[in-house]
N, C-alpha and C. Protein backbone atom coordinates (compact mmCIF):
# COMPACT_ATOMS: atom_id res chain seq x y z
N MET A 1 -10.58 10.20 3.27
CA MET A 1 -11.14 9.77 4.52
C MET A 1 -10.08 9.97 5.61
N ALA A 2 -10.40 10.71 6.64
CA ALA A 2 -9.46 10.99 7.72
C ALA A 2 -9.06 9.71 8.44
N GLY A 3 -7.78 9.58 8.73
CA GLY A 3 -7.28 8.43 9.47
C GLY A 3 -7.03 7.19 8.62
N SER A 4 -7.25 7.27 7.31
CA SER A 4 -7.01 6.10 6.45
C SER A 4 -5.52 5.94 6.20
N CYS A 5 -5.10 4.70 6.03
CA CYS A 5 -3.70 4.44 5.72
C CYS A 5 -3.55 3.04 5.15
N VAL A 6 -2.34 2.77 4.64
CA VAL A 6 -1.97 1.44 4.17
C VAL A 6 -0.69 1.07 4.89
N VAL A 7 -0.66 -0.13 5.49
CA VAL A 7 0.54 -0.61 6.17
C VAL A 7 0.96 -1.92 5.50
N VAL A 8 2.23 -1.99 5.13
CA VAL A 8 2.79 -3.20 4.54
C VAL A 8 3.81 -3.75 5.52
N ILE A 9 3.71 -5.04 5.82
CA ILE A 9 4.67 -5.70 6.69
C ILE A 9 5.68 -6.41 5.80
N VAL A 10 6.94 -6.00 5.89
CA VAL A 10 8.01 -6.59 5.09
C VAL A 10 8.74 -7.60 5.97
N HIS A 11 8.88 -8.82 5.47
CA HIS A 11 9.50 -9.88 6.26
C HIS A 11 10.79 -10.36 5.60
N THR A 12 11.61 -11.03 6.39
CA THR A 12 12.84 -11.60 5.85
C THR A 12 12.49 -12.82 5.02
N GLU A 13 13.30 -13.07 4.02
CA GLU A 13 13.02 -14.16 3.10
C GLU A 13 13.27 -15.53 3.72
N ASP A 14 14.28 -15.62 4.54
CA ASP A 14 14.65 -16.93 5.08
C ASP A 14 13.81 -17.35 6.29
N ALA A 15 13.64 -16.48 7.27
CA ALA A 15 12.95 -16.87 8.50
C ALA A 15 11.50 -16.36 8.57
N LEU A 16 11.12 -15.56 7.62
CA LEU A 16 9.79 -14.93 7.60
C LEU A 16 9.50 -14.13 8.87
N SER A 17 10.54 -13.57 9.46
CA SER A 17 10.35 -12.69 10.61
C SER A 17 10.18 -11.25 10.10
N ILE A 18 9.52 -10.42 10.87
CA ILE A 18 9.26 -9.04 10.46
C ILE A 18 10.57 -8.27 10.39
N ASP A 19 10.82 -7.65 9.25
CA ASP A 19 12.03 -6.85 9.05
C ASP A 19 11.74 -5.37 9.31
N HIS A 20 10.69 -4.85 8.65
CA HIS A 20 10.28 -3.46 8.85
C HIS A 20 8.87 -3.28 8.30
N PHE A 21 8.36 -2.06 8.41
CA PHE A 21 7.01 -1.74 7.95
C PHE A 21 7.09 -0.62 6.92
N LEU A 22 6.12 -0.58 6.02
CA LEU A 22 5.96 0.53 5.08
C LEU A 22 4.62 1.18 5.37
N PHE A 23 4.60 2.50 5.43
CA PHE A 23 3.39 3.25 5.79
C PHE A 23 3.04 4.24 4.70
N TYR A 24 1.77 4.26 4.30
CA TYR A 24 1.27 5.24 3.35
C TYR A 24 0.03 5.86 3.96
N GLY A 25 0.11 7.14 4.27
CA GLY A 25 -1.03 7.82 4.87
C GLY A 25 -0.61 9.17 5.40
N GLY A 26 -1.56 9.87 5.98
CA GLY A 26 -1.27 11.16 6.58
C GLY A 26 -1.28 11.06 8.09
N ALA A 27 -1.30 12.21 8.73
CA ALA A 27 -1.41 12.23 10.19
C ALA A 27 -2.79 11.71 10.59
N VAL A 28 -2.94 11.42 11.87
CA VAL A 28 -4.18 10.82 12.36
C VAL A 28 -5.42 11.64 11.99
N ASP A 29 -5.32 12.95 12.05
CA ASP A 29 -6.48 13.81 11.78
C ASP A 29 -6.53 14.31 10.33
N GLU A 30 -5.64 13.81 9.49
CA GLU A 30 -5.61 14.22 8.08
C GLU A 30 -6.06 13.07 7.17
N PRO A 31 -6.61 13.41 6.01
CA PRO A 31 -6.98 12.34 5.07
C PRO A 31 -5.75 11.70 4.44
N MET A 32 -5.91 10.48 3.97
CA MET A 32 -4.84 9.80 3.26
C MET A 32 -4.57 10.55 1.97
N PRO A 33 -3.30 10.68 1.55
CA PRO A 33 -3.02 11.33 0.27
C PRO A 33 -3.80 10.67 -0.87
N SER A 34 -4.22 11.46 -1.82
CA SER A 34 -5.02 10.95 -2.93
C SER A 34 -4.25 9.93 -3.75
N ILE A 35 -4.93 8.88 -4.15
CA ILE A 35 -4.32 7.86 -5.01
C ILE A 35 -4.95 7.87 -6.40
N ASP A 36 -5.78 8.88 -6.67
CA ASP A 36 -6.48 8.96 -7.96
C ASP A 36 -5.53 9.05 -9.15
N GLY A 37 -4.35 9.64 -8.95
CA GLY A 37 -3.40 9.79 -10.04
C GLY A 37 -2.63 8.52 -10.35
N ASN A 38 -2.73 7.53 -9.49
CA ASN A 38 -2.01 6.27 -9.71
C ASN A 38 -2.77 5.41 -10.72
N LYS A 39 -2.02 4.54 -11.40
CA LYS A 39 -2.68 3.72 -12.42
C LYS A 39 -3.55 2.64 -11.77
N PRO A 40 -4.67 2.30 -12.41
CA PRO A 40 -5.53 1.25 -11.88
C PRO A 40 -4.85 -0.12 -11.95
N SER A 41 -5.15 -0.96 -10.98
CA SER A 41 -4.62 -2.33 -10.97
C SER A 41 -5.34 -3.16 -12.03
N ILE A 42 -4.69 -4.24 -12.43
CA ILE A 42 -5.32 -5.17 -13.37
C ILE A 42 -5.49 -6.51 -12.68
N VAL A 43 -6.45 -7.28 -13.13
CA VAL A 43 -6.70 -8.61 -12.59
C VAL A 43 -5.59 -9.53 -13.08
N PRO A 44 -4.86 -10.15 -12.15
CA PRO A 44 -3.77 -11.04 -12.60
C PRO A 44 -4.31 -12.33 -13.22
N GLY A 45 -3.64 -12.76 -14.28
CA GLY A 45 -3.95 -14.07 -14.86
C GLY A 45 -5.08 -14.09 -15.87
N ARG A 46 -6.21 -13.58 -15.53
CA ARG A 46 -7.38 -13.69 -16.42
C ARG A 46 -7.32 -12.67 -17.55
N ARG A 47 -7.64 -13.13 -18.72
CA ARG A 47 -7.67 -12.25 -19.90
C ARG A 47 -8.98 -12.47 -20.64
N ASP A 48 -9.41 -11.44 -21.37
CA ASP A 48 -10.63 -11.59 -22.17
C ASP A 48 -10.27 -12.24 -23.50
N SER A 49 -11.23 -12.37 -24.38
CA SER A 49 -11.01 -13.07 -25.65
C SER A 49 -10.00 -12.36 -26.55
N ASP A 50 -9.78 -11.04 -26.31
CA ASP A 50 -8.79 -10.28 -27.09
C ASP A 50 -7.40 -10.33 -26.46
N GLY A 51 -7.27 -10.98 -25.30
CA GLY A 51 -5.98 -11.09 -24.64
C GLY A 51 -5.69 -9.97 -23.65
N ASN A 52 -6.67 -9.09 -23.42
CA ASN A 52 -6.48 -7.99 -22.49
C ASN A 52 -6.93 -8.38 -21.08
N ARG A 53 -6.24 -7.85 -20.11
CA ARG A 53 -6.62 -8.11 -18.73
C ARG A 53 -7.65 -7.08 -18.28
N LYS A 54 -8.54 -7.51 -17.41
CA LYS A 54 -9.58 -6.64 -16.89
C LYS A 54 -8.99 -5.65 -15.89
N VAL A 55 -9.43 -4.39 -15.97
CA VAL A 55 -8.97 -3.34 -15.07
C VAL A 55 -9.82 -3.36 -13.81
N ARG A 56 -9.17 -3.25 -12.66
CA ARG A 56 -9.88 -3.19 -11.37
C ARG A 56 -10.10 -1.71 -11.06
N GLU A 57 -11.25 -1.20 -11.37
CA GLU A 57 -11.54 0.23 -11.31
C GLU A 57 -11.33 0.86 -9.94
N HIS A 58 -11.63 0.15 -8.88
CA HIS A 58 -11.55 0.74 -7.54
C HIS A 58 -10.25 0.41 -6.82
N TYR A 59 -9.26 -0.12 -7.53
CA TYR A 59 -7.96 -0.45 -6.96
C TYR A 59 -6.90 0.38 -7.68
N ARG A 60 -5.89 0.82 -6.94
CA ARG A 60 -4.80 1.60 -7.53
C ARG A 60 -3.46 1.01 -7.10
N ASP A 61 -2.49 1.04 -8.01
CA ASP A 61 -1.13 0.62 -7.70
C ASP A 61 -0.39 1.81 -7.09
N ILE A 62 0.19 1.60 -5.93
CA ILE A 62 0.96 2.65 -5.25
C ILE A 62 2.42 2.22 -5.29
N LYS A 63 3.28 3.08 -5.83
CA LYS A 63 4.70 2.75 -5.93
C LYS A 63 5.31 2.66 -4.53
N ARG A 64 6.22 1.74 -4.38
CA ARG A 64 6.86 1.53 -3.09
C ARG A 64 7.58 2.79 -2.60
N THR A 65 8.06 3.61 -3.52
CA THR A 65 8.76 4.84 -3.14
C THR A 65 7.84 5.85 -2.48
N GLN A 66 6.51 5.70 -2.63
CA GLN A 66 5.56 6.61 -2.01
C GLN A 66 5.30 6.26 -0.54
N PHE A 67 5.78 5.09 -0.10
CA PHE A 67 5.60 4.66 1.28
C PHE A 67 6.75 5.19 2.13
N LYS A 68 6.47 5.41 3.40
CA LYS A 68 7.50 5.81 4.35
C LYS A 68 7.98 4.56 5.08
N LYS A 69 9.30 4.33 5.10
CA LYS A 69 9.86 3.15 5.76
C LYS A 69 9.93 3.39 7.26
N MET A 70 9.40 2.45 8.02
CA MET A 70 9.43 2.51 9.48
C MET A 70 10.08 1.24 9.98
N MET A 71 11.11 1.40 10.77
CA MET A 71 11.89 0.25 11.21
C MET A 71 11.30 -0.48 12.42
N SER A 72 10.57 0.21 13.26
CA SER A 72 10.12 -0.44 14.50
C SER A 72 8.60 -0.33 14.66
N PRO A 73 8.04 -1.23 15.45
CA PRO A 73 6.61 -1.14 15.76
C PRO A 73 6.25 0.17 16.47
N SER A 74 7.15 0.70 17.28
CA SER A 74 6.84 1.95 17.98
C SER A 74 6.72 3.12 17.00
N GLU A 75 7.56 3.15 15.94
CA GLU A 75 7.43 4.18 14.91
C GLU A 75 6.07 4.07 14.20
N LEU A 76 5.67 2.83 13.92
CA LEU A 76 4.38 2.60 13.26
C LEU A 76 3.23 3.04 14.16
N LEU A 77 3.29 2.69 15.43
CA LEU A 77 2.23 3.10 16.36
C LEU A 77 2.15 4.60 16.49
N ASP A 78 3.29 5.30 16.48
CA ASP A 78 3.28 6.76 16.52
C ASP A 78 2.57 7.34 15.31
N ALA A 79 2.78 6.74 14.14
CA ALA A 79 2.13 7.22 12.91
C ALA A 79 0.63 6.92 12.92
N LEU A 80 0.24 5.79 13.54
CA LEU A 80 -1.17 5.40 13.55
C LEU A 80 -1.98 6.14 14.60
N PHE A 81 -1.38 6.44 15.74
CA PHE A 81 -2.14 7.05 16.84
C PHE A 81 -1.46 8.30 17.31
């Protein structure tokens, strides 16, 4: 889907102030990189009678290394618009 992205706000541990942003996506007119190759997420905590956790079919885990680190809001706005 063109213009799709994921933005993560990383905050400081002590003051909970914004430290930086993580961005996963393409240019404004490009689709978001495919996440189909990433492993599906699992439901935390709940397990079935065999002890297995349920797989969340429409959710994918994206490694932090796949995100682009952006230090300022202006960098993030440039990537979004």
